[in-house]
Amino acid sequence: MPLKRLAATVGAALLAVAMIAAPARADGSHECFSGARTPNGDSYKLNGWTCSGSGYYQVIVVIRFGAAQGTYYCPSVFSWNGDLTGDYCRLT
């Protein structure tokens, strides 16, 4: 195997391993006192009340009390005056 081809193969393999090992990234987080969730296929539509935090895309949302209690990863959320809504959220 020529040296250039070997170097390209090794580089591609290292890149693939690095991409697999990279942790999920969240750009923000919100913590809510209570909330509710509605099933939406394999994810949830999430509503949170009395929330604090920042970020709109790729965020972690923690609901402390209520039927929706848990930690969620949401691709996007909208937060206004302490209330929060998120679509396609998944429990982590």
PDB file of N, CA and C in Angstrom:
ATOM      1  N   MET A   1       0.854  -1.168   0.000  1.00  0.00           N
ATOM      2  CA  MET A   1       0.000   0.000   0.000  1.00  0.00           C
ATOM      3  C   MET A   1       0.900   1.231   0.000  1.00  0.00           C
ATOM      4  N   PRO A   2       0.698   2.140  -0.943  1.00  0.00           N
ATOM      5  CA  PRO A   2       1.518   3.354  -0.977  1.00  0.00           C
ATOM      6  C   PRO A   2       1.337   4.174   0.306  1.00  0.00           C
ATOM      7  N   LEU A   3       2.363   4.926   0.635  1.00  0.00           N
ATOM      8  CA  LEU A   3       2.381   5.695   1.875  1.00  0.00           C
ATOM      9  C   LEU A   3       1.250   6.724   1.936  1.00  0.00           C
ATOM     10  N   LYS A   4       0.942   7.400   0.824  1.00  0.00           N
ATOM     11  CA  LYS A   4      -0.131   8.394   0.821  1.00  0.00           C
ATOM     12  C   LYS A   4      -1.486   7.731   1.104  1.00  0.00           C
ATOM     13  N   ARG A   5      -1.707   6.591   0.511  1.00  0.00           N
ATOM     14  CA  ARG A   5      -2.974   5.881   0.718  1.00  0.00           C
ATOM     15  C   ARG A   5      -3.084   5.406   2.166  1.00  0.00           C
ATOM     16  N   LEU A   6      -1.989   4.914   2.722  1.00  0.00           N
ATOM     17  CA  LEU A   6      -1.982   4.478   4.122  1.00  0.00           C
ATOM     18  C   LEU A   6      -2.261   5.651   5.053  1.00  0.00           C
ATOM     19  N   ALA A   7      -1.643   6.788   4.789  1.00  0.00           N
ATOM     20  CA  ALA A   7      -1.870   7.973   5.620  1.00  0.00           C
ATOM     21  C   ALA A   7      -3.323   8.427   5.531  1.00  0.00           C
ATOM     22  N   ALA A   8      -3.903   8.415   4.346  1.00  0.00           N
ATOM     23  CA  ALA A   8      -5.301   8.815   4.184  1.00  0.00           C
ATOM     24  C   ALA A   8      -6.233   7.848   4.907  1.00  0.00           C
ATOM     25  N   THR A   9      -5.955   6.559   4.844  1.00  0.00           N
ATOM     26  CA  THR A   9      -6.784   5.559   5.512  1.00  0.00           C
ATOM     27  C   THR A   9      -6.705   5.710   7.026  1.00  0.00           C
ATOM     28  N   VAL A  10      -5.502   5.893   7.550  1.00  0.00           N
ATOM     29  CA  VAL A  10      -5.329   6.061   8.991  1.00  0.00           C
ATOM     30  C   VAL A  10      -6.007   7.357   9.454  1.00  0.00           C
ATOM     31  N   GLY A  11      -5.862   8.418   8.681  1.00  0.00           N
ATOM     32  CA  GLY A  11      -6.502   9.689   9.035  1.00  0.00           C
ATOM     33  C   GLY A  11      -8.019   9.568   9.061  1.00  0.00           C
ATOM     34  N   ALA A  12      -8.597   8.895   8.076  1.00  0.00           N
ATOM     35  CA  ALA A  12     -10.051   8.702   8.035  1.00  0.00           C
ATOM     36  C   ALA A  12     -10.520   7.853   9.212  1.00  0.00           C
ATOM     37  N   ALA A  13      -9.750   6.825   9.556  1.00  0.00           N
ATOM     38  CA  ALA A  13     -10.128   5.978  10.691  1.00  0.00           C
ATOM     39  C   ALA A  13     -10.083   6.755  12.000  1.00  0.00           C
ATOM     40  N   LEU A  14      -9.065   7.577  12.190  1.00  0.00           N
ATOM     41  CA  LEU A  14      -8.968   8.389  13.409  1.00  0.00           C
ATOM     42  C   LEU A  14     -10.102   9.403  13.493  1.00  0.00           C
ATOM     43  N   LEU A  15     -10.464  10.005  12.375  1.00  0.00           N
ATOM     44  CA  LEU A  15     -11.566  10.951  12.349  1.00  0.00           C
ATOM     45  C   LEU A  15     -12.885  10.267  12.696  1.00  0.00           C
ATOM     46  N   ALA A  16     -13.101   9.062  12.157  1.00  0.00           N
ATOM     47  CA  ALA A  16     -14.330   8.321  12.460  1.00  0.00           C
ATOM     48  C   ALA A  16     -14.420   7.979  13.938  1.00  0.00           C
ATOM     49  N   VAL A  17     -13.327   7.560  14.539  1.00  0.00           N
ATOM     50  CA  VAL A  17     -13.317   7.237  15.966  1.00  0.00           C
ATOM     51  C   VAL A  17     -13.573   8.488  16.795  1.00  0.00           C
ATOM     52  N   ALA A  18     -12.972   9.613  16.414  1.00  0.00           N
ATOM     53  CA  ALA A  18     -13.172  10.863  17.154  1.00  0.00           C
ATOM     54  C   ALA A  18     -14.619  11.318  17.084  1.00  0.00           C
ATOM     55  N   MET A  19     -15.273  11.145  15.937  1.00  0.00           N
ATOM     56  CA  MET A  19     -16.670  11.563  15.794  1.00  0.00           C
ATOM     57  C   MET A  19     -17.591  10.687  16.633  1.00  0.00           C
ATOM     58  N   ILE A  20     -17.290   9.410  16.724  1.00  0.00           N
ATOM     59  CA  ILE A  20     -18.110   8.499  17.517  1.00  0.00           C
ATOM     60  C   ILE A  20     -17.949   8.815  19.000  1.00  0.00           C
ATOM     61  N   ALA A  21     -16.758   9.161  19.423  1.00  0.00           N
ATOM     62  CA  ALA A  21     -16.472   9.385  20.833  1.00  0.00           C
ATOM     63  C   ALA A  21     -16.874  10.779  21.316  1.00  0.00           C
ATOM     64  N   ALA A  22     -17.208  11.689  20.410  1.00  0.00           N
ATOM     65  CA  ALA A  22     -17.543  13.057  20.820  1.00  0.00           C
ATOM     66  C   ALA A  22     -18.855  13.064  21.598  1.00  0.00           C
ATOM     67  N   PRO A  23     -18.887  13.758  22.731  1.00  0.00           N
ATOM     68  CA  PRO A  23     -20.120  13.815  23.519  1.00  0.00           C
ATOM     69  C   PRO A  23     -21.159  14.710  22.862  1.00  0.00           C
ATOM     70  N   ALA A  24     -22.424  14.492  23.205  1.00  0.00           N
ATOM     71  CA  ALA A  24     -23.485  15.355  22.719  1.00  0.00           C
ATOM     72  C   ALA A  24     -23.267  16.753  23.291  1.00  0.00           C
ATOM     73  N   ARG A  25     -23.630  17.750  22.535  1.00  0.00           N
ATOM     74  CA  ARG A  25     -23.372  19.119  22.947  1.00  0.00           C
ATOM     75  C   ARG A  25     -24.687  19.858  23.132  1.00  0.00           C
ATOM     76  N   ALA A  26     -24.809  20.571  24.213  1.00  0.00           N
ATOM     77  CA  ALA A  26     -25.979  21.410  24.446  1.00  0.00           C
ATOM     78  C   ALA A  26     -25.514  22.859  24.512  1.00  0.00           C
ATOM     79  N   ASP A  27     -26.238  23.739  23.831  1.00  0.00           N
ATOM     80  CA  ASP A  27     -25.863  25.146  23.798  1.00  0.00           C
ATOM     81  C   ASP A  27     -26.512  25.961  24.910  1.00  0.00           C
ATOM     82  N   GLY A  28     -27.366  25.356  25.692  1.00  0.00           N
ATOM     83  CA  GLY A  28     -28.005  26.079  26.779  1.00  0.00           C
ATOM     84  C   GLY A  28     -28.710  25.117  27.707  1.00  0.00           C
ATOM     85  N   SER A  29     -29.269  25.662  28.769  1.00  0.00           N
ATOM     86  CA  SER A  29     -30.027  24.821  29.687  1.00  0.00           C
ATOM     87  C   SER A  29     -31.079  25.666  30.399  1.00  0.00           C
ATOM     88  N   HIS A  30     -32.157  25.009  30.752  1.00  0.00           N
ATOM     89  CA  HIS A  30     -33.251  25.629  31.494  1.00  0.00           C
ATOM     90  C   HIS A  30     -33.634  24.700  32.631  1.00  0.00           C
ATOM     91  N   GLU A  31     -34.026  25.282  33.741  1.00  0.00           N
ATOM     92  CA  GLU A  31     -34.537  24.514  34.867  1.00  0.00           C
ATOM     93  C   GLU A  31     -35.918  25.057  35.189  1.00  0.00           C
ATOM     94  N   CYS A  32     -36.914  24.149  35.229  1.00  0.00           N
ATOM     95  CA  CYS A  32     -38.301  24.540  35.454  1.00  0.00           C
ATOM     96  C   CYS A  32     -38.825  23.885  36.728  1.00  0.00           C
ATOM     97  N   PHE A  33     -39.638  24.629  37.470  1.00  0.00           N
ATOM     98  CA  PHE A  33     -40.219  24.093  38.692  1.00  0.00           C
ATOM     99  C   PHE A  33     -41.171  22.944  38.379  1.00  0.00           C
ATOM    100  N   SER A  34     -42.043  23.111  37.391  1.00  0.00           N
ATOM    101  CA  SER A  34     -42.985  22.049  37.023  1.00  0.00           C
ATOM    102  C   SER A  34     -43.208  22.077  35.524  1.00  0.00           C
ATOM    103  N   GLY A  35     -43.898  21.053  35.022  1.00  0.00           N
ATOM    104  CA  GLY A  35     -44.140  20.998  33.590  1.00  0.00           C
ATOM    105  C   GLY A  35     -45.070  19.879  33.201  1.00  0.00           C
ATOM    106  N   ALA A  36     -45.350  19.834  31.919  1.00  0.00           N
ATOM    107  CA  ALA A  36     -46.203  18.795  31.343  1.00  0.00           C
ATOM    108  C   ALA A  36     -45.603  18.378  30.009  1.00  0.00           C
ATOM    109  N   ARG A  37     -45.884  17.148  29.613  1.00  0.00           N
ATOM    110  CA  ARG A  37     -45.390  16.658  28.331  1.00  0.00           C
ATOM    111  C   ARG A  37     -46.515  15.937  27.597  1.00  0.00           C
ATOM    112  N   THR A  38     -46.478  16.045  26.284  1.00  0.00           N
ATOM    113  CA  THR A  38     -47.455  15.387  25.419  1.00  0.00           C
ATOM    114  C   THR A  38     -46.683  14.522  24.438  1.00  0.00           C
ATOM    115  N   PRO A  39     -47.007  13.214  24.341  1.00  0.00           N
ATOM    116  CA  PRO A  39     -46.300  12.368  23.380  1.00  0.00           C
ATOM    117  C   PRO A  39     -46.456  12.908  21.955  1.00  0.00           C
ATOM    118  N   ASN A  40     -45.363  12.846  21.213  1.00  0.00           N
ATOM    119  CA  ASN A  40     -45.346  13.314  19.834  1.00  0.00           C
ATOM    120  C   ASN A  40     -44.505  12.324  19.026  1.00  0.00           C
ATOM    121  N   GLY A  41     -45.071  11.164  18.743  1.00  0.00           N
ATOM    122  CA  GLY A  41     -44.308  10.109  18.089  1.00  0.00           C
ATOM    123  C   GLY A  41     -43.306   9.522  19.059  1.00  0.00           C
ATOM    124  N   ASP A  42     -42.027   9.564  18.725  1.00  0.00           N
ATOM    125  CA  ASP A  42     -40.992   9.032  19.609  1.00  0.00           C
ATOM    126  C   ASP A  42     -40.348  10.121  20.458  1.00  0.00           C
ATOM    127  N   SER A  43     -40.992  11.279  20.554  1.00  0.00           N
ATOM    128  CA  SER A  43     -40.490  12.385  21.370  1.00  0.00           C
ATOM    129  C   SER A  43     -41.673  13.013  22.110  1.00  0.00           C
ATOM    130  N   TYR A  44     -41.435  14.176  22.718  1.00  0.00           N
ATOM    131  CA  TYR A  44     -42.477  14.860  23.484  1.00  0.00           C
ATOM    132  C   TYR A  44     -42.552  16.330  23.103  1.00  0.00           C
ATOM    133  N   LYS A  45     -43.752  16.884  23.203  1.00  0.00           N
ATOM    134  CA  LYS A  45     -43.934  18.337  23.232  1.00  0.00           C
ATOM    135  C   LYS A  45     -43.904  18.687  24.708  1.00  0.00           C
ATOM    136  N   LEU A  46     -43.038  19.596  25.082  1.00  0.00           N
ATOM    137  CA  LEU A  46     -42.776  19.883  26.486  1.00  0.00           C
ATOM    138  C   LEU A  46     -43.226  21.303  26.837  1.00  0.00           C
ATOM    139  N   ASN A  47     -43.882  21.438  27.982  1.00  0.00           N
ATOM    140  CA  ASN A  47     -44.239  22.742  28.538  1.00  0.00           C
ATOM    141  C   ASN A  47     -43.653  22.823  29.938  1.00  0.00           C
ATOM    142  N   GLY A  48     -42.991  23.929  30.239  1.00  0.00           N
ATOM    143  CA  GLY A  48     -42.416  24.131  31.560  1.00  0.00           C
ATOM    144  C   GLY A  48     -42.878  25.447  32.141  1.00  0.00           C
ATOM    145  N   TRP A  49     -43.057  25.481  33.466  1.00  0.00           N
ATOM    146  CA  TRP A  49     -43.506  26.686  34.149  1.00  0.00           C
ATOM    147  C   TRP A  49     -42.525  27.063  35.247  1.00  0.00           C
ATOM    148  N   THR A  50     -42.388  28.329  35.473  1.00  0.00           N
ATOM    149  CA  THR A  50     -41.451  28.903  36.431  1.00  0.00           C
ATOM    150  C   THR A  50     -40.034  28.415  36.100  1.00  0.00           C
ATOM    151  N   CYS A  51     -39.587  28.800  34.910  1.00  0.00           N
ATOM    152  CA  CYS A  51     -38.295  28.351  34.391  1.00  0.00           C
ATOM    153  C   CYS A  51     -37.260  29.470  34.441  1.00  0.00           C
ATOM    154  N   SER A  52     -36.014  29.068  34.542  1.00  0.00           N
ATOM    155  CA  SER A  52     -34.899  29.993  34.411  1.00  0.00           C
ATOM    156  C   SER A  52     -33.818  29.298  33.596  1.00  0.00           C
ATOM    157  N   GLY A  53     -33.038  30.084  32.914  1.00  0.00           N
ATOM    158  CA  GLY A  53     -31.966  29.529  32.099  1.00  0.00           C
ATOM    159  C   GLY A  53     -31.803  30.316  30.824  1.00  0.00           C
ATOM    160  N   SER A  54     -31.015  29.778  29.916  1.00  0.00           N
ATOM    161  CA  SER A  54     -30.772  30.460  28.649  1.00  0.00           C
ATOM    162  C   SER A  54     -30.556  29.447  27.544  1.00  0.00           C
ATOM    163  N   GLY A  55     -30.724  29.904  26.321  1.00  0.00           N
ATOM    164  CA  GLY A  55     -30.523  29.080  25.144  1.00  0.00           C
ATOM    165  C   GLY A  55     -31.829  28.746  24.457  1.00  0.00           C
ATOM    166  N   TYR A  56     -31.763  28.636  23.143  1.00  0.00           N
ATOM    167  CA  TYR A  56     -32.939  28.333  22.345  1.00  0.00           C
ATOM    168  C   TYR A  56     -32.777  27.073  21.503  1.00  0.00           C
ATOM    169  N   TYR A  57     -31.561  26.714  21.157  1.00  0.00           N
ATOM    170  CA  TYR A  57     -31.302  25.564  20.299  1.00  0.00           C
ATOM    171  C   TYR A  57     -30.378  24.584  21.000  1.00  0.00           C
ATOM    172  N   GLN A  58     -30.669  23.312  20.842  1.00  0.00           N
ATOM    173  CA  GLN A  58     -29.878  22.237  21.446  1.00  0.00           C
ATOM    174  C   GLN A  58     -29.711  22.479  22.943  1.00  0.00           C
ATOM    175  N   VAL A  59     -30.808  22.404  23.677  1.00  0.00           N
ATOM    176  CA  VAL A  59     -30.779  22.721  25.100  1.00  0.00           C
ATOM    177  C   VAL A  59     -31.174  21.524  25.961  1.00  0.00           C
ATOM    178  N   ILE A  60     -30.736  21.556  27.181  1.00  0.00           N
ATOM    179  CA  ILE A  60     -31.130  20.603  28.208  1.00  0.00           C
ATOM    180  C   ILE A  60     -32.189  21.295  29.065  1.00  0.00           C
ATOM    181  N   VAL A  61     -33.313  20.626  29.292  1.00  0.00           N
ATOM    182  CA  VAL A  61     -34.380  21.170  30.128  1.00  0.00           C
ATOM    183  C   VAL A  61     -34.601  20.206  31.289  1.00  0.00           C
ATOM    184  N   VAL A  62     -34.539  20.728  32.509  1.00  0.00           N
ATOM    185  CA  VAL A  62     -34.786  19.924  33.704  1.00  0.00           C
ATOM    186  C   VAL A  62     -36.116  20.366  34.298  1.00  0.00           C
ATOM    187  N   ILE A  63     -37.051  19.432  34.423  1.00  0.00           N
ATOM    188  CA  ILE A  63     -38.336  19.667  35.074  1.00  0.00           C
ATOM    189  C   ILE A  63     -38.235  19.038  36.460  1.00  0.00           C
ATOM    190  N   ARG A  64     -38.390  19.821  37.515  1.00  0.00           N
ATOM    191  CA  ARG A  64     -38.179  19.338  38.884  1.00  0.00           C
ATOM    192  C   ARG A  64     -39.359  18.577  39.472  1.00  0.00           C
ATOM    193  N   PHE A  65     -40.594  19.022  39.230  1.00  0.00           N
ATOM    194  CA  PHE A  65     -41.758  18.378  39.846  1.00  0.00           C
ATOM    195  C   PHE A  65     -42.863  18.187  38.813  1.00  0.00           C
ATOM    196  N   GLY A  66     -43.776  17.255  39.101  1.00  0.00           N
ATOM    197  CA  GLY A  66     -44.935  17.042  38.245  1.00  0.00           C
ATOM    198  C   GLY A  66     -44.813  15.802  37.386  1.00  0.00           C
ATOM    199  N   ALA A  67     -45.813  15.596  36.572  1.00  0.00           N
ATOM    200  CA  ALA A  67     -45.873  14.404  35.720  1.00  0.00           C
ATOM    201  C   ALA A  67     -44.733  14.345  34.706  1.00  0.00           C
ATOM    202  N   ALA A  68     -44.197  15.484  34.333  1.00  0.00           N
ATOM    203  CA  ALA A  68     -43.123  15.524  33.337  1.00  0.00           C
ATOM    204  C   ALA A  68     -41.741  15.583  33.970  1.00  0.00           C
ATOM    205  N   GLN A  69     -41.636  15.294  35.258  1.00  0.00           N
ATOM    206  CA  GLN A  69     -40.355  15.385  35.956  1.00  0.00           C
ATOM    207  C   GLN A  69     -39.285  14.601  35.215  1.00  0.00           C
ATOM    208  N   GLY A  70     -38.120  15.231  35.014  1.00  0.00           N
ATOM    209  CA  GLY A  70     -37.007  14.552  34.364  1.00  0.00           C
ATOM    210  C   GLY A  70     -36.101  15.534  33.651  1.00  0.00           C
ATOM    211  N   THR A  71     -35.123  14.988  32.954  1.00  0.00           N
ATOM    212  CA  THR A  71     -34.170  15.773  32.184  1.00  0.00           C
ATOM    213  C   THR A  71     -34.373  15.455  30.716  1.00  0.00           C
ATOM    214  N   TYR A  72     -34.517  16.493  29.905  1.00  0.00           N
ATOM    215  CA  TYR A  72     -34.826  16.353  28.482  1.00  0.00           C
ATOM    216  C   TYR A  72     -33.769  17.051  27.639  1.00  0.00           C
ATOM    217  N   TYR A  73     -33.560  16.519  26.458  1.00  0.00           N
ATOM    218  CA  TYR A  73     -32.766  17.195  25.436  1.00  0.00           C
ATOM    219  C   TYR A  73     -33.750  17.675  24.381  1.00  0.00           C
ATOM    220  N   CYS A  74     -33.740  18.963  24.073  1.00  0.00           N
ATOM    221  CA  CYS A  74     -34.655  19.539  23.085  1.00  0.00           C
ATOM    222  C   CYS A  74     -33.853  20.224  21.976  1.00  0.00           C
ATOM    223  N   PRO A  75     -34.185  19.934  20.715  1.00  0.00           N
ATOM    224  CA  PRO A  75     -33.501  20.622  19.618  1.00  0.00           C
ATOM    225  C   PRO A  75     -33.765  22.125  19.624  1.00  0.00           C
ATOM    226  N   SER A  76     -34.973  22.532  20.059  1.00  0.00           N
ATOM    227  CA  SER A  76     -35.275  23.957  20.154  1.00  0.00           C
ATOM    228  C   SER A  76     -36.359  24.176  21.203  1.00  0.00           C
ATOM    229  N   VAL A  77     -36.291  25.312  21.868  1.00  0.00           N
ATOM    230  CA  VAL A  77     -37.299  25.706  22.852  1.00  0.00           C
ATOM    231  C   VAL A  77     -37.593  27.192  22.672  1.00  0.00           C
ATOM    232  N   PHE A  78     -38.748  27.593  23.172  1.00  0.00           N
ATOM    233  CA  PHE A  78     -39.105  29.004  23.220  1.00  0.00           C
ATOM    234  C   PHE A  78     -39.421  29.338  24.663  1.00  0.00           C
ATOM    235  N   SER A  79     -38.730  30.318  25.207  1.00  0.00           N
ATOM    236  CA  SER A  79     -38.906  30.704  26.598  1.00  0.00           C
ATOM    237  C   SER A  79     -39.386  32.149  26.652  1.00  0.00           C
ATOM    238  N   TRP A  80     -40.444  32.383  27.459  1.00  0.00           N
ATOM    239  CA  TRP A  80     -40.995  33.725  27.567  1.00  0.00           C
ATOM    240  C   TRP A  80     -41.594  33.916  28.946  1.00  0.00           C
ATOM    241  N   ASN A  81     -41.148  34.925  29.677  1.00  0.00           N
ATOM    242  CA  ASN A  81     -41.683  35.272  30.998  1.00  0.00           C
ATOM    243  C   ASN A  81     -41.733  34.088  31.954  1.00  0.00           C
ATOM    244  N   GLY A  82     -40.716  33.266  31.935  1.00  0.00           N
ATOM    245  CA  GLY A  82     -40.640  32.146  32.865  1.00  0.00           C
ATOM    246  C   GLY A  82     -41.331  30.879  32.406  1.00  0.00           C
ATOM    247  N   ASP A  83     -42.022  30.908  31.268  1.00  0.00           N
ATOM    248  CA  ASP A  83     -42.640  29.700  30.708  1.00  0.00           C
ATOM    249  C   ASP A  83     -41.818  29.225  29.522  1.00  0.00           C
ATOM    250  N   LEU A  84     -41.911  27.949  29.231  1.00  0.00           N
ATOM    251  CA  LEU A  84     -41.096  27.356  28.192  1.00  0.00           C
ATOM    252  C   LEU A  84     -41.927  26.357  27.391  1.00  0.00           C
ATOM    253  N   THR A  85     -41.727  26.303  26.090  1.00  0.00           N
ATOM    254  CA  THR A  85     -42.307  25.251  25.250  1.00  0.00           C
ATOM    255  C   THR A  85     -41.192  24.682  24.391  1.00  0.00           C
ATOM    256  N   GLY A  86     -41.226  23.398  24.171  1.00  0.00           N
ATOM    257  CA  GLY A  86     -40.235  22.738  23.342  1.00  0.00           C
ATOM    258  C   GLY A  86     -40.868  21.629  22.532  1.00  0.00           C
ATOM    259  N   ASP A  87     -40.385  21.427  21.331  1.00  0.00           N
ATOM    260  CA  ASP A  87     -40.878  20.356  20.459  1.00  0.00           C
ATOM    261  C   ASP A  87     -39.775  19.318  20.247  1.00  0.00           C
ATOM    262  N   TYR A  88     -40.189  18.091  20.024  1.00  0.00           N
ATOM    263  CA  TYR A  88     -39.274  16.985  19.725  1.00  0.00           C
ATOM    264  C   TYR A  88     -38.252  16.749  20.831  1.00  0.00           C
ATOM    265  N   CYS A  89     -38.682  16.915  22.076  1.00  0.00           N
ATOM    266  CA  CYS A  89     -37.802  16.707  23.229  1.00  0.00           C
ATOM    267  C   CYS A  89     -37.743  15.233  23.587  1.00  0.00           C
ATOM    268  N   ARG A  90     -36.610  14.793  24.044  1.00  0.00           N
ATOM    269  CA  ARG A  90     -36.409  13.395  24.438  1.00  0.00           C
ATOM    270  C   ARG A  90     -35.844  13.329  25.854  1.00  0.00           C
ATOM    271  N   LEU A  91     -36.304  12.345  26.606  1.00  0.00           N
ATOM    272  CA  LEU A  91     -35.739  12.110  27.931  1.00  0.00           C
ATOM    273  C   LEU A  91     -34.302  11.672  27.798  1.00  0.00           C
ATOM    274  N   THR A  92     -33.448  12.152  28.694  1.00  0.00           N
ATOM    275  CA  THR A  92     -32.041  11.730  28.644  1.00  0.00           C
ATOM    276  C   THR A  92     -31.755  10.752  29.747  1.00  0.00           C
TER     277      THR A  92
END
